[in-house]
Amino acid sequence: MSLTVAALRELVSLGLTAEQILRVAEAQDAGAVPAVPTQTARQERNRRYYEKRLKASENRLKASETSEPEEDTLPLPPSPQTPQP
């Protein structure tokens, strides 16, 4: 895989010399430098969404572990009364 024009421009803007850029290109062609996987905007958005959901879920679990169980505060139903003759 060869370097793209955008990648070459980035290397030049970082101040690399032509010799250094050539070494980077050779290393990449030899497989020493793996290509950086690019994510689409949709994939990145989905990643953030699921990270947020995981954190919220973990927070709920932590909160339930630290809170004390509440006593049942519902009123008791009336007891059945036996009719008197």
PDB file of N, CA and C in Angstrom:
ATOM      1  N   MET A   1       0.845  -1.178   0.000  1.00  0.00           N
ATOM      2  CA  MET A   1       0.000   0.000   0.000  1.00  0.00           C
ATOM      3  C   MET A   1       0.888   1.237   0.000  1.00  0.00           C
ATOM      4  N   SER A   2       0.620   2.160  -0.865  1.00  0.00           N
ATOM      5  CA  SER A   2       1.438   3.356  -0.962  1.00  0.00           C
ATOM      6  C   SER A   2       0.811   4.495  -0.172  1.00  0.00           C
ATOM      7  N   LEU A   3       1.615   5.470   0.085  1.00  0.00           N
ATOM      8  CA  LEU A   3       1.133   6.646   0.804  1.00  0.00           C
ATOM      9  C   LEU A   3       0.229   7.471  -0.102  1.00  0.00           C
ATOM     10  N   THR A   4      -0.778   8.057   0.489  1.00  0.00           N
ATOM     11  CA  THR A   4      -1.668   8.929  -0.264  1.00  0.00           C
ATOM     12  C   THR A   4      -1.065  10.324  -0.343  1.00  0.00           C
ATOM     13  N   VAL A   5      -1.610  11.112  -1.229  1.00  0.00           N
ATOM     14  CA  VAL A   5      -1.136  12.492  -1.372  1.00  0.00           C
ATOM     15  C   VAL A   5      -1.362  13.247  -0.064  1.00  0.00           C
ATOM     16  N   ALA A   6      -2.496  13.009   0.564  1.00  0.00           N
ATOM     17  CA  ALA A   6      -2.796  13.691   1.836  1.00  0.00           C
ATOM     18  C   ALA A   6      -1.773  13.309   2.903  1.00  0.00           C
ATOM     19  N   ALA A   7      -1.393  12.036   2.938  1.00  0.00           N
ATOM     20  CA  ALA A   7      -0.414  11.586   3.930  1.00  0.00           C
ATOM     21  C   ALA A   7       0.955  12.204   3.650  1.00  0.00           C
ATOM     22  N   LEU A   8       1.306  12.279   2.382  1.00  0.00           N
ATOM     23  CA  LEU A   8       2.584  12.902   2.021  1.00  0.00           C
ATOM     24  C   LEU A   8       2.603  14.379   2.394  1.00  0.00           C
ATOM     25  N   ARG A   9       1.492  15.071   2.142  1.00  0.00           N
ATOM     26  CA  ARG A   9       1.412  16.497   2.513  1.00  0.00           C
ATOM     27  C   ARG A   9       1.559  16.662   4.032  1.00  0.00           C
ATOM     28  N   GLU A  10       0.956  15.749   4.784  1.00  0.00           N
ATOM     29  CA  GLU A  10       1.045  15.804   6.245  1.00  0.00           C
ATOM     30  C   GLU A  10       2.489  15.615   6.692  1.00  0.00           C
ATOM     31  N   LEU A  11       3.187  14.675   6.090  1.00  0.00           N
ATOM     32  CA  LEU A  11       4.590  14.448   6.449  1.00  0.00           C
ATOM     33  C   LEU A  11       5.443  15.664   6.124  1.00  0.00           C
ATOM     34  N   VAL A  12       5.185  16.300   4.987  1.00  0.00           N
ATOM     35  CA  VAL A  12       5.925  17.513   4.621  1.00  0.00           C
ATOM     36  C   VAL A  12       5.611  18.631   5.604  1.00  0.00           C
ATOM     37  N   SER A  13       4.326  18.756   5.997  1.00  0.00           N
ATOM     38  CA  SER A  13       3.959  19.830   6.930  1.00  0.00           C
ATOM     39  C   SER A  13       4.566  19.610   8.312  1.00  0.00           C
ATOM     40  N   LEU A  14       4.874  18.361   8.632  1.00  0.00           N
ATOM     41  CA  LEU A  14       5.527  18.074   9.910  1.00  0.00           C
ATOM     42  C   LEU A  14       7.020  18.364   9.881  1.00  0.00           C
ATOM     43  N   GLY A  15       7.531  18.673   8.690  1.00  0.00           N
ATOM     44  CA  GLY A  15       8.932  19.048   8.582  1.00  0.00           C
ATOM     45  C   GLY A  15       9.856  17.899   8.246  1.00  0.00           C
ATOM     46  N   LEU A  16       9.359  16.772   7.798  1.00  0.00           N
ATOM     47  CA  LEU A  16      10.210  15.663   7.428  1.00  0.00           C
ATOM     48  C   LEU A  16      10.929  15.975   6.121  1.00  0.00           C
ATOM     49  N   THR A  17      12.152  15.506   6.026  1.00  0.00           N
ATOM     50  CA  THR A  17      12.911  15.703   4.794  1.00  0.00           C
ATOM     51  C   THR A  17      12.472  14.660   3.766  1.00  0.00           C
ATOM     52  N   ALA A  18      12.890  14.859   2.530  1.00  0.00           N
ATOM     53  CA  ALA A  18      12.548  13.913   1.466  1.00  0.00           C
ATOM     54  C   ALA A  18      13.100  12.530   1.793  1.00  0.00           C
ATOM     55  N   GLU A  19      14.287  12.478   2.365  1.00  0.00           N
ATOM     56  CA  GLU A  19      14.901  11.193   2.737  1.00  0.00           C
ATOM     57  C   GLU A  19      14.063  10.490   3.824  1.00  0.00           C
ATOM     58  N   GLN A  20      13.603  11.231   4.797  1.00  0.00           N
ATOM     59  CA  GLN A  20      12.789  10.643   5.854  1.00  0.00           C
ATOM     60  C   GLN A  20      11.455  10.135   5.305  1.00  0.00           C
ATOM     61  N   ILE A  21      10.856  10.908   4.408  1.00  0.00           N
ATOM     62  CA  ILE A  21       9.589  10.494   3.794  1.00  0.00           C
ATOM     63  C   ILE A  21       9.794   9.229   2.973  1.00  0.00           C
ATOM     64  N   LEU A  22      10.920   9.146   2.282  1.00  0.00           N
ATOM     65  CA  LEU A  22      11.238   7.964   1.498  1.00  0.00           C
ATOM     66  C   LEU A  22      11.380   6.738   2.407  1.00  0.00           C
ATOM     67  N   ARG A  23      12.012   6.913   3.558  1.00  0.00           N
ATOM     68  CA  ARG A  23      12.152   5.801   4.511  1.00  0.00           C
ATOM     69  C   ARG A  23      10.785   5.352   5.031  1.00  0.00           C
ATOM     70  N   VAL A  24       9.904   6.297   5.294  1.00  0.00           N
ATOM     71  CA  VAL A  24       8.554   5.958   5.749  1.00  0.00           C
ATOM     72  C   VAL A  24       7.826   5.158   4.677  1.00  0.00           C
ATOM     73  N   ALA A  25       7.934   5.594   3.422  1.00  0.00           N
ATOM     74  CA  ALA A  25       7.273   4.902   2.316  1.00  0.00           C
ATOM     75  C   ALA A  25       7.836   3.496   2.140  1.00  0.00           C
ATOM     76  N   GLU A  26       9.148   3.352   2.241  1.00  0.00           N
ATOM     77  CA  GLU A  26       9.767   2.035   2.110  1.00  0.00           C
ATOM     78  C   GLU A  26       9.344   1.114   3.243  1.00  0.00           C
ATOM     79  N   ALA A  27       9.293   1.643   4.449  1.00  0.00           N
ATOM     80  CA  ALA A  27       8.888   0.831   5.591  1.00  0.00           C
ATOM     81  C   ALA A  27       7.438   0.393   5.451  1.00  0.00           C
ATOM     82  N   GLN A  28       6.608   1.262   4.953  1.00  0.00           N
ATOM     83  CA  GLN A  28       5.202   0.911   4.774  1.00  0.00           C
ATOM     84  C   GLN A  28       5.047  -0.157   3.688  1.00  0.00           C
ATOM     85  N   ASP A  29       5.791  -0.020   2.600  1.00  0.00           N
ATOM     86  CA  ASP A  29       5.735  -1.026   1.541  1.00  0.00           C
ATOM     87  C   ASP A  29       6.244  -2.376   2.037  1.00  0.00           C
ATOM     88  N   ALA A  30       7.199  -2.361   2.937  1.00  0.00           N
ATOM     89  CA  ALA A  30       7.744  -3.599   3.487  1.00  0.00           C
ATOM     90  C   ALA A  30       6.821  -4.206   4.540  1.00  0.00           C
ATOM     91  N   GLY A  31       5.801  -3.480   4.938  1.00  0.00           N
ATOM     92  CA  GLY A  31       4.861  -3.977   5.937  1.00  0.00           C
ATOM     93  C   GLY A  31       5.236  -3.638   7.357  1.00  0.00           C
ATOM     94  N   ALA A  32       6.287  -2.857   7.549  1.00  0.00           N
ATOM     95  CA  ALA A  32       6.715  -2.503   8.898  1.00  0.00           C
ATOM     96  C   ALA A  32       5.778  -1.500   9.553  1.00  0.00           C
ATOM     97  N   VAL A  33       5.128  -0.676   8.756  1.00  0.00           N
ATOM     98  CA  VAL A  33       4.213   0.333   9.284  1.00  0.00           C
ATOM     99  C   VAL A  33       2.814  -0.040   8.826  1.00  0.00           C
ATOM    100  N   PRO A  34       1.972  -0.525   9.726  1.00  0.00           N
ATOM    101  CA  PRO A  34       0.623  -0.892   9.305  1.00  0.00           C
ATOM    102  C   PRO A  34      -0.189   0.334   8.914  1.00  0.00           C
ATOM    103  N   ALA A  35      -1.059   0.147   7.966  1.00  0.00           N
ATOM    104  CA  ALA A  35      -1.937   1.239   7.547  1.00  0.00           C
ATOM    105  C   ALA A  35      -2.919   1.542   8.669  1.00  0.00           C
ATOM    106  N   VAL A  36      -3.200   2.796   8.878  1.00  0.00           N
ATOM    107  CA  VAL A  36      -4.135   3.208   9.916  1.00  0.00           C
ATOM    108  C   VAL A  36      -5.555   2.980   9.398  1.00  0.00           C
ATOM    109  N   PRO A  37      -6.332   2.167  10.110  1.00  0.00           N
ATOM    110  CA  PRO A  37      -7.705   1.949   9.639  1.00  0.00           C
ATOM    111  C   PRO A  37      -8.523   3.224   9.817  1.00  0.00           C
ATOM    112  N   THR A  38      -9.262   3.550   8.809  1.00  0.00           N
ATOM    113  CA  THR A  38     -10.092   4.739   8.893  1.00  0.00           C
ATOM    114  C   THR A  38     -11.522   4.328   9.183  1.00  0.00           C
ATOM    115  N   GLN A  39     -12.169   5.088  10.013  1.00  0.00           N
ATOM    116  CA  GLN A  39     -13.558   4.827  10.353  1.00  0.00           C
ATOM    117  C   GLN A  39     -14.428   5.881   9.695  1.00  0.00           C
ATOM    118  N   THR A  40     -15.579   5.452   9.296  1.00  0.00           N
ATOM    119  CA  THR A  40     -16.523   6.409   8.747  1.00  0.00           C
ATOM    120  C   THR A  40     -17.116   7.205   9.891  1.00  0.00           C
ATOM    121  N   ALA A  41     -17.740   8.297   9.560  1.00  0.00           N
ATOM    122  CA  ALA A  41     -18.378   9.119  10.591  1.00  0.00           C
ATOM    123  C   ALA A  41     -19.453   8.315  11.315  1.00  0.00           C
ATOM    124  N   ARG A  42     -20.150   7.466  10.582  1.00  0.00           N
ATOM    125  CA  ARG A  42     -21.201   6.647  11.195  1.00  0.00           C
ATOM    126  C   ARG A  42     -20.606   5.654  12.193  1.00  0.00           C
ATOM    127  N   GLN A  43     -19.500   5.012  11.841  1.00  0.00           N
ATOM    128  CA  GLN A  43     -18.866   4.068  12.752  1.00  0.00           C
ATOM    129  C   GLN A  43     -18.373   4.771  14.014  1.00  0.00           C
ATOM    130  N   GLU A  44     -17.811   5.950  13.852  1.00  0.00           N
ATOM    131  CA  GLU A  44     -17.340   6.705  15.007  1.00  0.00           C
ATOM    132  C   GLU A  44     -18.503   7.115  15.900  1.00  0.00           C
ATOM    133  N   ARG A  45     -19.602   7.564  15.308  1.00  0.00           N
ATOM    134  CA  ARG A  45     -20.793   7.941  16.070  1.00  0.00           C
ATOM    135  C   ARG A  45     -21.339   6.742  16.835  1.00  0.00           C
ATOM    136  N   ASN A  46     -21.397   5.582  16.185  1.00  0.00           N
ATOM    137  CA  ASN A  46     -21.886   4.377  16.855  1.00  0.00           C
ATOM    138  C   ASN A  46     -20.979   3.976  18.007  1.00  0.00           C
ATOM    139  N   ARG A  47     -19.667   4.108  17.820  1.00  0.00           N
ATOM    140  CA  ARG A  47     -18.730   3.766  18.887  1.00  0.00           C
ATOM    141  C   ARG A  47     -18.972   4.638  20.121  1.00  0.00           C
ATOM    142  N   ARG A  48     -19.115   5.948  19.884  1.00  0.00           N
ATOM    143  CA  ARG A  48     -19.372   6.858  21.009  1.00  0.00           C
ATOM    144  C   ARG A  48     -20.692   6.530  21.693  1.00  0.00           C
ATOM    145  N   TYR A  49     -21.714   6.198  20.915  1.00  0.00           N
ATOM    146  CA  TYR A  49     -23.032   5.883  21.459  1.00  0.00           C
ATOM    147  C   TYR A  49     -22.949   4.664  22.387  1.00  0.00           C
ATOM    148  N   TYR A  50     -22.287   3.607  21.923  1.00  0.00           N
ATOM    149  CA  TYR A  50     -22.213   2.403  22.733  1.00  0.00           C
ATOM    150  C   TYR A  50     -21.309   2.573  23.941  1.00  0.00           C
ATOM    151  N   GLU A  51     -20.271   3.387  23.844  1.00  0.00           N
ATOM    152  CA  GLU A  51     -19.447   3.687  25.011  1.00  0.00           C
ATOM    153  C   GLU A  51     -20.280   4.414  26.062  1.00  0.00           C
ATOM    154  N   LYS A  52     -21.097   5.354  25.612  1.00  0.00           N
ATOM    155  CA  LYS A  52     -21.946   6.122  26.528  1.00  0.00           C
ATOM    156  C   LYS A  52     -22.952   5.196  27.223  1.00  0.00           C
ATOM    157  N   ARG A  53     -23.553   4.284  26.458  1.00  0.00           N
ATOM    158  CA  ARG A  53     -24.521   3.348  27.040  1.00  0.00           C
ATOM    159  C   ARG A  53     -23.852   2.419  28.039  1.00  0.00           C
ATOM    160  N   LEU A  54     -22.633   1.966  27.736  1.00  0.00           N
ATOM    161  CA  LEU A  54     -21.916   1.079  28.645  1.00  0.00           C
ATOM    162  C   LEU A  54     -21.604   1.801  29.953  1.00  0.00           C
ATOM    163  N   LYS A  55     -21.164   3.047  29.876  1.00  0.00           N
ATOM    164  CA  LYS A  55     -20.871   3.814  31.091  1.00  0.00           C
ATOM    165  C   LYS A  55     -22.131   4.020  31.923  1.00  0.00           C
ATOM    166  N   ALA A  56     -23.249   4.326  31.270  1.00  0.00           N
ATOM    167  CA  ALA A  56     -24.500   4.530  31.996  1.00  0.00           C
ATOM    168  C   ALA A  56     -24.921   3.238  32.691  1.00  0.00           C
ATOM    169  N   SER A  57     -24.753   2.123  32.030  1.00  0.00           N
ATOM    170  CA  SER A  57     -25.107   0.839  32.608  1.00  0.00           C
ATOM    171  C   SER A  57     -24.219   0.526  33.811  1.00  0.00           C
ATOM    172  N   GLU A  58     -22.924   0.782  33.673  1.00  0.00           N
ATOM    173  CA  GLU A  58     -22.002   0.553  34.781  1.00  0.00           C
ATOM    174  C   GLU A  58     -22.346   1.450  35.960  1.00  0.00           C
ATOM    175  N   ASN A  59     -22.704   2.699  35.699  1.00  0.00           N
ATOM    176  CA  ASN A  59     -23.069   3.622  36.773  1.00  0.00           C
ATOM    177  C   ASN A  59     -24.314   3.141  37.510  1.00  0.00           C
ATOM    178  N   ARG A  60     -25.294   2.620  36.771  1.00  0.00           N
ATOM    179  CA  ARG A  60     -26.495   2.094  37.417  1.00  0.00           C
ATOM    180  C   ARG A  60     -26.162   0.900  38.296  1.00  0.00           C
ATOM    181  N   LEU A  61     -25.284   0.025  37.825  1.00  0.00           N
ATOM    182  CA  LEU A  61     -24.898  -1.139  38.621  1.00  0.00           C
ATOM    183  C   LEU A  61     -24.167  -0.703  39.892  1.00  0.00           C
ATOM    184  N   LYS A  62     -23.267   0.256  39.756  1.00  0.00           N
ATOM    185  CA  LYS A  62     -22.536   0.737  40.932  1.00  0.00           C
ATOM    186  C   LYS A  62     -23.484   1.371  41.930  1.00  0.00           C
ATOM    187  N   ALA A  63     -24.449   2.134  41.438  1.00  0.00           N
ATOM    188  CA  ALA A  63     -25.398   2.802  42.329  1.00  0.00           C
ATOM    189  C   ALA A  63     -26.256   1.778  43.055  1.00  0.00           C
ATOM    190  N   SER A  64     -26.651   0.722  42.382  1.00  0.00           N
ATOM    191  CA  SER A  64     -27.497  -0.284  43.038  1.00  0.00           C
ATOM    192  C   SER A  64     -26.700  -1.103  44.038  1.00  0.00           C
ATOM    193  N   GLU A  65     -25.400  -1.274  43.820  1.00  0.00           N
ATOM    194  CA  GLU A  65     -24.573  -2.021  44.758  1.00  0.00           C
ATOM    195  C   GLU A  65     -24.325  -1.228  46.029  1.00  0.00           C
ATOM    196  N   THR A  66     -24.224   0.072  45.936  1.00  0.00           N
ATOM    197  CA  THR A  66     -23.898   0.888  47.100  1.00  0.00           C
ATOM    198  C   THR A  66     -25.123   1.338  47.868  1.00  0.00           C
ATOM    199  N   SER A  67     -26.285   1.343  47.237  1.00  0.00           N
ATOM    200  CA  SER A  67     -27.470   1.814  47.949  1.00  0.00           C
ATOM    201  C   SER A  67     -28.033   0.705  48.829  1.00  0.00           C
ATOM    202  N   GLU A  68     -28.604   1.118  49.948  1.00  0.00           N
ATOM    203  CA  GLU A  68     -29.212   0.161  50.860  1.00  0.00           C
ATOM    204  C   GLU A  68     -30.618  -0.158  50.363  1.00  0.00           C
ATOM    205  N   PRO A  69     -31.039  -1.386  50.558  1.00  0.00           N
ATOM    206  CA  PRO A  69     -32.398  -1.719  50.111  1.00  0.00           C
ATOM    207  C   PRO A  69     -33.430  -0.941  50.921  1.00  0.00           C
ATOM    208  N   GLU A  70     -34.405  -0.428  50.242  1.00  0.00           N
ATOM    209  CA  GLU A  70     -35.433   0.359  50.913  1.00  0.00           C
ATOM    210  C   GLU A  70     -36.507  -0.575  51.454  1.00  0.00           C
ATOM    211  N   GLU A  71     -37.067  -0.195  52.597  1.00  0.00           N
ATOM    212  CA  GLU A  71     -38.145  -0.987  53.172  1.00  0.00           C
ATOM    213  C   GLU A  71     -39.400  -0.764  52.345  1.00  0.00           C
ATOM    214  N   ASP A  72     -40.235  -1.746  52.371  1.00  0.00           N
ATOM    215  CA  ASP A  72     -41.472  -1.660  51.617  1.00  0.00           C
ATOM    216  C   ASP A  72     -42.347  -0.600  52.274  1.00  0.00           C
ATOM    217  N   THR A  73     -42.644   0.455  51.566  1.00  0.00           N
ATOM    218  CA  THR A  73     -43.405   1.562  52.141  1.00  0.00           C
ATOM    219  C   THR A  73     -44.856   1.564  51.697  1.00  0.00           C
ATOM    220  N   LEU A  74     -45.265   0.525  50.967  1.00  0.00           N
ATOM    221  CA  LEU A  74     -46.658   0.465  50.548  1.00  0.00           C
ATOM    222  C   LEU A  74     -47.543   0.122  51.747  1.00  0.00           C
ATOM    223  N   PRO A  75     -48.728   0.717  51.834  1.00  0.00           N
ATOM    224  CA  PRO A  75     -49.606   0.394  52.964  1.00  0.00           C
ATOM    225  C   PRO A  75     -50.120  -1.040  52.832  1.00  0.00           C
ATOM    226  N   LEU A  76     -50.313  -1.650  53.970  1.00  0.00           N
ATOM    227  CA  LEU A  76     -50.840  -3.012  53.979  1.00  0.00           C
ATOM    228  C   LEU A  76     -52.323  -2.985  53.643  1.00  0.00           C
ATOM    229  N   PRO A  77     -52.813  -4.009  52.968  1.00  0.00           N
ATOM    230  CA  PRO A  77     -54.242  -4.033  52.682  1.00  0.00           C
ATOM    231  C   PRO A  77     -55.026  -4.257  53.976  1.00  0.00           C
ATOM    232  N   PRO A  78     -56.254  -3.801  54.024  1.00  0.00           N
ATOM    233  CA  PRO A  78     -57.034  -3.990  55.258  1.00  0.00           C
ATOM    234  C   PRO A  78     -57.268  -5.470  55.511  1.00  0.00           C
ATOM    235  N   SER A  79     -57.222  -5.807  56.781  1.00  0.00           N
ATOM    236  CA  SER A  79     -57.438  -7.221  57.125  1.00  0.00           C
ATOM    237  C   SER A  79     -58.931  -7.532  57.018  1.00  0.00           C
ATOM    238  N   PRO A  80     -59.231  -8.740  56.599  1.00  0.00           N
ATOM    239  CA  PRO A  80     -60.660  -9.081  56.472  1.00  0.00           C
ATOM    240  C   PRO A  80     -61.313  -9.133  57.839  1.00  0.00           C
ATOM    241  N   GLN A  81     -62.440  -8.542  57.917  1.00  0.00           N
ATOM    242  CA  GLN A  81     -63.171  -8.540  59.194  1.00  0.00           C
ATOM    243  C   GLN A  81     -64.227  -9.627  59.160  1.00  0.00           C
ATOM    244  N   THR A  82     -64.331 -10.282  60.242  1.00  0.00           N
ATOM    245  CA  THR A  82     -65.352 -11.336  60.330  1.00  0.00           C
ATOM    246  C   THR A  82     -66.653 -10.692  60.790  1.00  0.00           C
ATOM    247  N   PRO A  83     -67.728 -11.027  60.119  1.00  0.00           N
ATOM    248  CA  PRO A  83     -68.999 -10.425  60.537  1.00  0.00           C
ATOM    249  C   PRO A  83     -69.434 -10.947  61.906  1.00  0.00           C
ATOM    250  N   GLN A  84     -70.001 -10.098  62.702  1.00  0.00           N
ATOM    251  CA  GLN A  84     -70.467 -10.426  64.049  1.00  0.00           C
ATOM    252  C   GLN A  84     -71.962 -10.714  64.008  1.00  0.00           C
ATOM    253  N   PRO A  85     -72.435 -11.842  64.599  1.00  0.00           N
ATOM    254  CA  PRO A  85     -73.895 -12.108  64.587  1.00  0.00           C
ATOM    255  C   PRO A  85     -74.693 -11.350  65.566  1.00  0.00           C
TER     256      PRO A  85
END
